[in-house]
Amino acid sequence: MIHFKHTVYLFCKRTLDLLLAIVALIFLTPILLPIVIGLKCTGEGHIFYVQKRIGHKNKYFNIIKFATMLKNSATMGTMTITIRNDPRLTPMGGFLRKTKINEIPQILNVLIGNMSIVGPRPVDKKAFEACTKEVQDSIYNSKPGITGIGSIVFRDEENLISGSKLPPYEYYKQFIAPYKGALEMWYQNKKSFKVDILLMFLTFWVVVFPRSSIVNSFFTDLPERNF
C-alpha cells in the first residue's frame, strides 16, 4: 500500500512538473528575451551558467542558470560561496539573484527530468561534503528542486554569510549546512503532493514578501534553528 501511494505521488509530481514547466516556458519567454539580450550585451557576454551539481541518488548533473557572475568566479575570492554585493557579480547579476530570476532556466532541467519544481536544493561537491553522512545518504532520495524548504528558509543566505565574522565557507559549514540538512531531512519525511503545493505557494509568497516568516505558520514542526 505504501509503495502504491509513493508511486502515485511520483506520477502526480512528474505530471505537475511537466505541466508547470511547459506553461511557464510559454508565458515567460517574452519576458526572458530582454534578459537574454541584456546578458549578452553586458558583463562578459555569456547568457547561461552551467555547473555540475549533485542530484537524484547522488549522481551529478548539469544545472542551468542565467549567468550572474564572472566566468572564473569559482576560482576567485570566496570561490563557490556568494556573499552580499559580491564583487564578482556582473552588472545584471545582483538584480537577477535578488529576484531569483537567475533560477528560471532550471525549467529546462525540469523538462529534461533531472530536477523537479520542488525538492532538496542541489549543491556542488564542496557544499555536499559539508553535510553529515546521514544527510548525504538521504536528501537526494528525491529529485532536487528549483525550490524547496531549504530554499525558502535560506532565501537570505548571502546576507547571513556576509554578516558573519567567520570566513564564508567556515560559517556555511558550521551553521548553514547542518540546519539546511535538517530541513531537507524534514522534507524527506514529510514529502507529499500537499506539502509540495504548499512549498510552491510559500516560494511565491517570500519572493513578494521576503521578510515574511509565514513558513512557520504552515509548518509548525520544522527543526529548531539556533543561530
Protein backbone atom coordinates (compact mmCIF):
# COMPACT_ATOMS: atom_id res chain seq x y z
CA MET A 1 0.00 0.00 0.00
CA ILE A 2 2.83 2.40 0.94
CA HIS A 3 4.65 1.55 -2.31
CA PHE A 4 1.46 2.22 -4.31
CA LYS A 5 0.95 5.62 -2.63
CA HIS A 6 4.56 6.54 -3.34
CA THR A 7 4.18 5.55 -7.00
CA VAL A 8 1.02 7.66 -7.31
CA TYR A 9 2.82 10.58 -5.64
CA LEU A 10 5.76 10.35 -8.07
CA PHE A 11 3.40 10.14 -11.06
CA CYS A 12 1.42 13.19 -9.92
CA LYS A 13 4.60 15.09 -9.11
CA ARG A 14 6.14 14.42 -12.54
CA THR A 15 2.89 15.29 -14.31
CA LEU A 16 2.64 18.59 -12.43
CA ASP A 17 6.32 19.31 -13.08
CA LEU A 18 5.88 18.92 -16.83
CA LEU A 19 2.65 20.91 -16.90
CA LEU A 20 4.04 23.83 -14.91
CA ALA A 21 7.35 23.82 -16.78
CA ILE A 22 5.66 23.95 -20.19
CA VAL A 23 3.19 26.66 -19.15
CA ALA A 24 5.97 28.70 -17.51
CA LEU A 25 8.18 28.45 -20.59
CA ILE A 26 5.37 29.65 -22.85
CA PHE A 27 4.36 32.60 -20.68
CA LEU A 28 7.84 33.66 -19.55
CA THR A 29 9.60 33.58 -22.92
CA PRO A 30 8.58 37.17 -23.91
CA ILE A 31 9.77 38.42 -20.51
CA LEU A 32 13.03 36.48 -20.63
CA LEU A 33 14.10 37.67 -24.08
CA PRO A 34 15.13 41.16 -22.82
CA ILE A 35 17.14 39.46 -20.05
CA VAL A 36 18.93 37.29 -22.61
CA ILE A 37 19.74 40.36 -24.70
CA GLY A 38 20.88 42.29 -21.62
CA LEU A 39 23.21 39.50 -20.51
CA LYS A 40 24.65 39.22 -23.99
CA CYS A 41 25.40 42.95 -24.06
CA THR A 42 26.80 43.30 -20.52
CA GLY A 43 29.36 41.63 -18.28
CA GLU A 44 31.33 39.04 -20.21
CA GLY A 45 28.55 38.42 -22.70
CA HIS A 46 27.60 34.93 -21.58
CA ILE A 47 23.93 34.13 -21.01
CA PHE A 48 23.80 30.80 -19.23
CA TYR A 49 25.82 29.31 -16.40
CA VAL A 50 26.12 25.53 -16.37
CA GLN A 51 27.61 23.78 -13.35
CA LYS A 52 27.83 20.21 -12.10
CA ARG A 53 25.63 19.66 -9.06
CA ILE A 54 24.77 16.60 -7.03
CA GLY A 55 21.28 15.33 -7.76
CA HIS A 56 18.98 12.33 -7.54
CA LYS A 57 20.66 9.33 -5.91
CA ASN A 58 23.82 11.45 -5.50
CA LYS A 59 24.55 11.44 -9.24
CA TYR A 60 25.99 14.52 -10.92
CA PHE A 61 24.01 16.54 -13.43
CA ASN A 62 24.41 19.94 -15.11
CA ILE A 63 22.27 22.68 -13.59
CA ILE A 64 21.32 25.59 -15.87
CA LYS A 65 21.02 29.19 -14.63
CA PHE A 66 21.28 32.67 -16.02
CA ALA A 67 24.87 33.86 -15.68
CA THR A 68 25.23 36.32 -12.82
CA MET A 69 28.95 36.16 -12.04
CA LEU A 70 32.27 36.34 -13.86
CA LYS A 71 33.19 33.18 -15.74
CA ASN A 72 36.07 32.26 -13.43
CA SER A 73 34.29 33.28 -10.22
CA ALA A 74 34.61 29.77 -8.73
CA THR A 75 38.38 30.29 -8.55
CA MET A 76 38.20 33.85 -7.22
CA GLY A 77 37.51 35.42 -3.82
CA THR A 78 35.11 33.32 -1.76
CA MET A 79 35.01 30.73 -4.57
CA THR A 80 31.69 28.80 -4.58
CA ILE A 81 30.24 30.82 -1.69
CA THR A 82 28.41 34.01 -2.72
CA ILE A 83 28.21 36.99 -0.38
CA ARG A 84 26.08 40.15 -0.39
CA ASN A 85 27.26 42.68 -3.01
CA ASP A 86 29.78 40.12 -4.23
CA PRO A 87 32.39 41.93 -6.39
CA ARG A 88 32.30 39.06 -8.89
CA LEU A 89 28.71 39.84 -9.88
CA THR A 90 28.04 41.06 -13.41
CA PRO A 91 26.09 44.33 -13.97
CA MET A 92 22.78 42.42 -14.10
CA GLY A 93 23.83 39.70 -11.67
CA GLY A 94 22.74 41.32 -8.43
CA PHE A 95 19.23 42.01 -9.70
CA LEU A 96 18.82 38.53 -11.17
CA ARG A 97 19.94 36.84 -7.95
CA LYS A 98 17.87 39.07 -5.65
CA THR A 99 14.69 38.44 -7.64
CA LYS A 100 15.60 34.74 -8.19
CA ILE A 101 15.15 35.25 -11.94
CA ASN A 102 18.54 33.59 -12.41
CA GLU A 103 16.91 30.29 -11.35
CA ILE A 104 14.29 30.31 -14.14
CA PRO A 105 16.38 28.41 -16.75
CA GLN A 106 16.16 25.40 -14.44
CA ILE A 107 12.76 24.91 -16.05
CA LEU A 108 14.83 23.20 -18.75
CA ASN A 109 16.25 20.84 -16.11
CA VAL A 110 12.68 20.00 -15.08
CA LEU A 111 11.72 19.22 -18.69
CA ILE A 112 14.83 17.05 -19.08
CA GLY A 113 13.87 15.21 -15.91
CA ASN A 114 16.91 15.69 -13.67
CA MET A 115 15.12 18.25 -11.48
CA SER A 116 11.65 18.84 -10.08
CA ILE A 117 9.82 22.05 -9.23
CA VAL A 118 10.00 21.16 -5.53
CA GLY A 119 12.76 19.20 -3.84
CA PRO A 120 16.04 19.48 -1.96
CA ARG A 121 18.26 22.18 -3.39
CA PRO A 122 21.10 20.69 -5.49
CA VAL A 123 24.55 21.70 -4.23
CA ASP A 124 28.09 21.43 -5.52
CA LYS A 125 30.60 18.90 -4.19
CA LYS A 126 32.12 21.21 -1.58
CA ALA A 127 28.76 22.15 -0.06
CA PHE A 128 27.68 18.49 -0.16
CA GLU A 129 30.79 17.47 1.76
CA ALA A 130 29.88 19.99 4.47
CA CYS A 131 26.81 17.84 5.26
CA THR A 132 26.83 14.88 7.63
CA LYS A 133 26.96 11.33 6.26
CA GLU A 134 23.33 10.78 7.28
CA VAL A 135 22.20 13.81 5.28
CA GLN A 136 24.37 12.87 2.29
CA ASP A 137 22.81 9.40 2.21
CA SER A 138 19.22 10.64 2.36
CA ILE A 139 18.43 14.08 0.98
CA TYR A 140 18.66 13.17 -2.69
CA ASN A 141 16.31 10.22 -2.46
CA SER A 142 14.10 12.82 -4.15
CA LYS A 143 15.00 14.74 -7.29
CA PRO A 144 16.49 18.13 -6.46
CA GLY A 145 14.16 21.08 -6.88
CA ILE A 146 14.08 24.63 -8.15
CA THR A 147 12.58 25.47 -4.79
CA GLY A 148 12.04 23.65 -1.50
CA ILE A 149 12.01 24.12 2.24
CA GLY A 150 15.76 24.85 2.33
CA SER A 151 15.48 27.45 -0.42
CA ILE A 152 12.59 29.20 1.33
CA VAL A 153 14.14 29.31 4.79
CA PHE A 154 17.56 30.34 3.46
CA ARG A 155 16.38 32.88 0.91
CA ASP A 156 18.69 35.36 2.71
CA GLU A 157 21.69 33.03 2.82
CA GLU A 158 24.06 35.52 1.17
CA ASN A 159 23.22 38.17 3.78
CA LEU A 160 23.76 35.70 6.63
CA ILE A 161 27.18 34.76 5.31
CA SER A 162 28.12 38.40 4.72
CA GLY A 163 27.16 39.34 8.28
CA SER A 164 29.39 36.73 9.91
CA LYS A 165 32.88 37.35 11.24
CA LEU A 166 33.88 33.83 10.20
CA PRO A 167 35.31 33.08 6.75
CA PRO A 168 32.37 32.39 4.37
CA TYR A 169 32.89 28.65 3.96
CA GLU A 170 33.51 28.13 7.68
CA TYR A 171 30.24 29.89 8.51
CA TYR A 172 28.43 27.81 5.88
CA LYS A 173 29.91 24.58 7.23
CA GLN A 174 29.31 25.33 10.91
CA PHE A 175 25.85 26.88 10.76
CA ILE A 176 24.07 26.79 7.41
CA ALA A 177 24.91 23.27 6.22
CA PRO A 178 23.73 21.49 9.42
CA TYR A 179 20.43 23.35 9.57
CA LYS A 180 19.80 23.15 5.85
CA GLY A 181 20.49 19.41 6.08
CA ALA A 182 17.97 19.10 8.92
CA LEU A 183 15.38 20.94 6.83
CA GLU A 184 15.92 18.66 3.85
CA MET A 185 15.66 15.59 6.09
CA TRP A 186 12.36 17.03 7.34
CA TYR A 187 11.19 17.22 3.73
CA GLN A 188 12.15 13.61 3.06
CA ASN A 189 9.96 12.54 5.98
CA LYS A 190 7.05 14.86 5.16
CA LYS A 191 7.01 14.96 1.35
CA SER A 192 3.61 14.64 -0.24
CA PHE A 193 1.64 16.28 -3.02
CA LYS A 194 0.07 18.62 -0.47
CA VAL A 195 3.42 19.65 1.00
CA ASP A 196 4.81 20.31 -2.49
CA ILE A 197 1.86 22.56 -3.36
CA LEU A 198 2.29 24.49 -0.10
CA LEU A 199 6.01 24.94 -0.77
CA MET A 200 5.24 26.34 -4.24
CA PHE A 201 2.83 28.84 -2.70
CA LEU A 202 5.34 29.79 0.01
CA THR A 203 8.05 30.33 -2.61
CA PHE A 204 5.86 32.85 -4.40
CA TRP A 205 4.95 34.48 -1.09
CA VAL A 206 8.51 35.01 0.15
CA VAL A 207 9.65 36.35 -3.23
CA VAL A 208 6.94 39.04 -2.95
CA PHE A 209 7.35 39.45 0.84
CA PRO A 210 10.99 38.49 1.57
CA ARG A 211 10.83 39.40 5.26
CA SER A 212 7.82 37.19 5.93
CA SER A 213 8.08 34.30 8.41
CA ILE A 214 4.85 32.71 7.17
CA VAL A 215 6.58 29.38 6.57
CA ASN A 216 6.50 28.68 10.32
CA SER A 217 2.74 29.19 10.36
CA PHE A 218 2.24 26.48 7.73
CA PHE A 219 4.85 24.06 9.09
CA THR A 220 4.99 24.21 12.89
CA ASP A 221 7.24 21.14 13.22
CA LEU A 222 10.29 22.40 11.35
CA PRO A 223 13.66 21.71 13.02
CA GLU A 224 14.58 24.35 15.57
CA ARG A 225 17.02 27.00 14.38
CA ASN A 226 19.66 28.07 16.90
CA PHE A 227 21.51 30.84 15.07
